[in-house]
Amino acid sequence: MRVRLFAVLREIVGRPEIDVELPEGAVGEDLFRALAADYPRFSDFRGSLRLAVNEEYAPWDAPLRAGDVAAFIPPVSGGSGGAVETSLPFIEVTGEPLSAERYQKLVVAPDCGAVALFIGVVREFTGGKRTVYLKYEAYSEMAKKEMEGIAREIGERWPQARVAMGHRVGELAVGEASVIVAVATPHRRAAFEAAQFAIDTLKERVPIWKKEVWEDGESWVGIQA
């Protein structure tokens, strides 16, 4: 299929159009991953792009067919603000690694003097047991809706807050980030408070489950155990 490229994406590839071969049943996300494999800098812009298929905006899980013309649309010139611009709140549940730098860039803005960033990482020892890796599983659609609800509550309690939240799923090694919450506000107290509210509420409400895999066994953590 044909892929059209604009602005920074065109500069990365060095031409305005390329042809990409995909397996039958591929969707927009598969196309993006194929391009990111050939052009690693694409991954830096995943949070700020929109997909278009045959000149119409489409969801990332839109099916792609032979003869389609796809495009990844960077933020248009009417946008304002920082180095990476996307609609906020930004929410994702993903199997891809989480980048703290990316989340900070998503929320930073000229009128915000504070950014609070929480990063949950996989630790090696829990209760005397050595963790080999963790496996996270999510009811992704519902998880995103619940996280969006948390972001709305933050907006009601801290009206000027800019929020981005993401949770990783799949197998994670020790030291990898499992969850990131970024909140930008005009002043530091609100940023701290909103970020803590976000992670505490996420842990209580969002349908994401964790399995700990040790050297001598494994177990789901929480009520499902």
Foldseek 3Di string as FASTA:
>chain_A
DKEAEDDPRCVQVVHGMDDDDDDAFDFQLVVLVVVCVVRVCSVLQVQFWFKDKQRHTDDRRHTDDPPIYMYIHGDDPVDDFDDHEHDPPAEEEEQDADDQVSQQRHFDGPQFPDKDKDWDFAAQDDPRFGFAKKAKDAPGVQLRVVLVVLRVVLCVVQVQKTWYKYAHGGIGGGGTTGIMIMITHNDHVSNVVSRVSSVVVSVVDGGMWMKTQTPVGIDIDDPVD
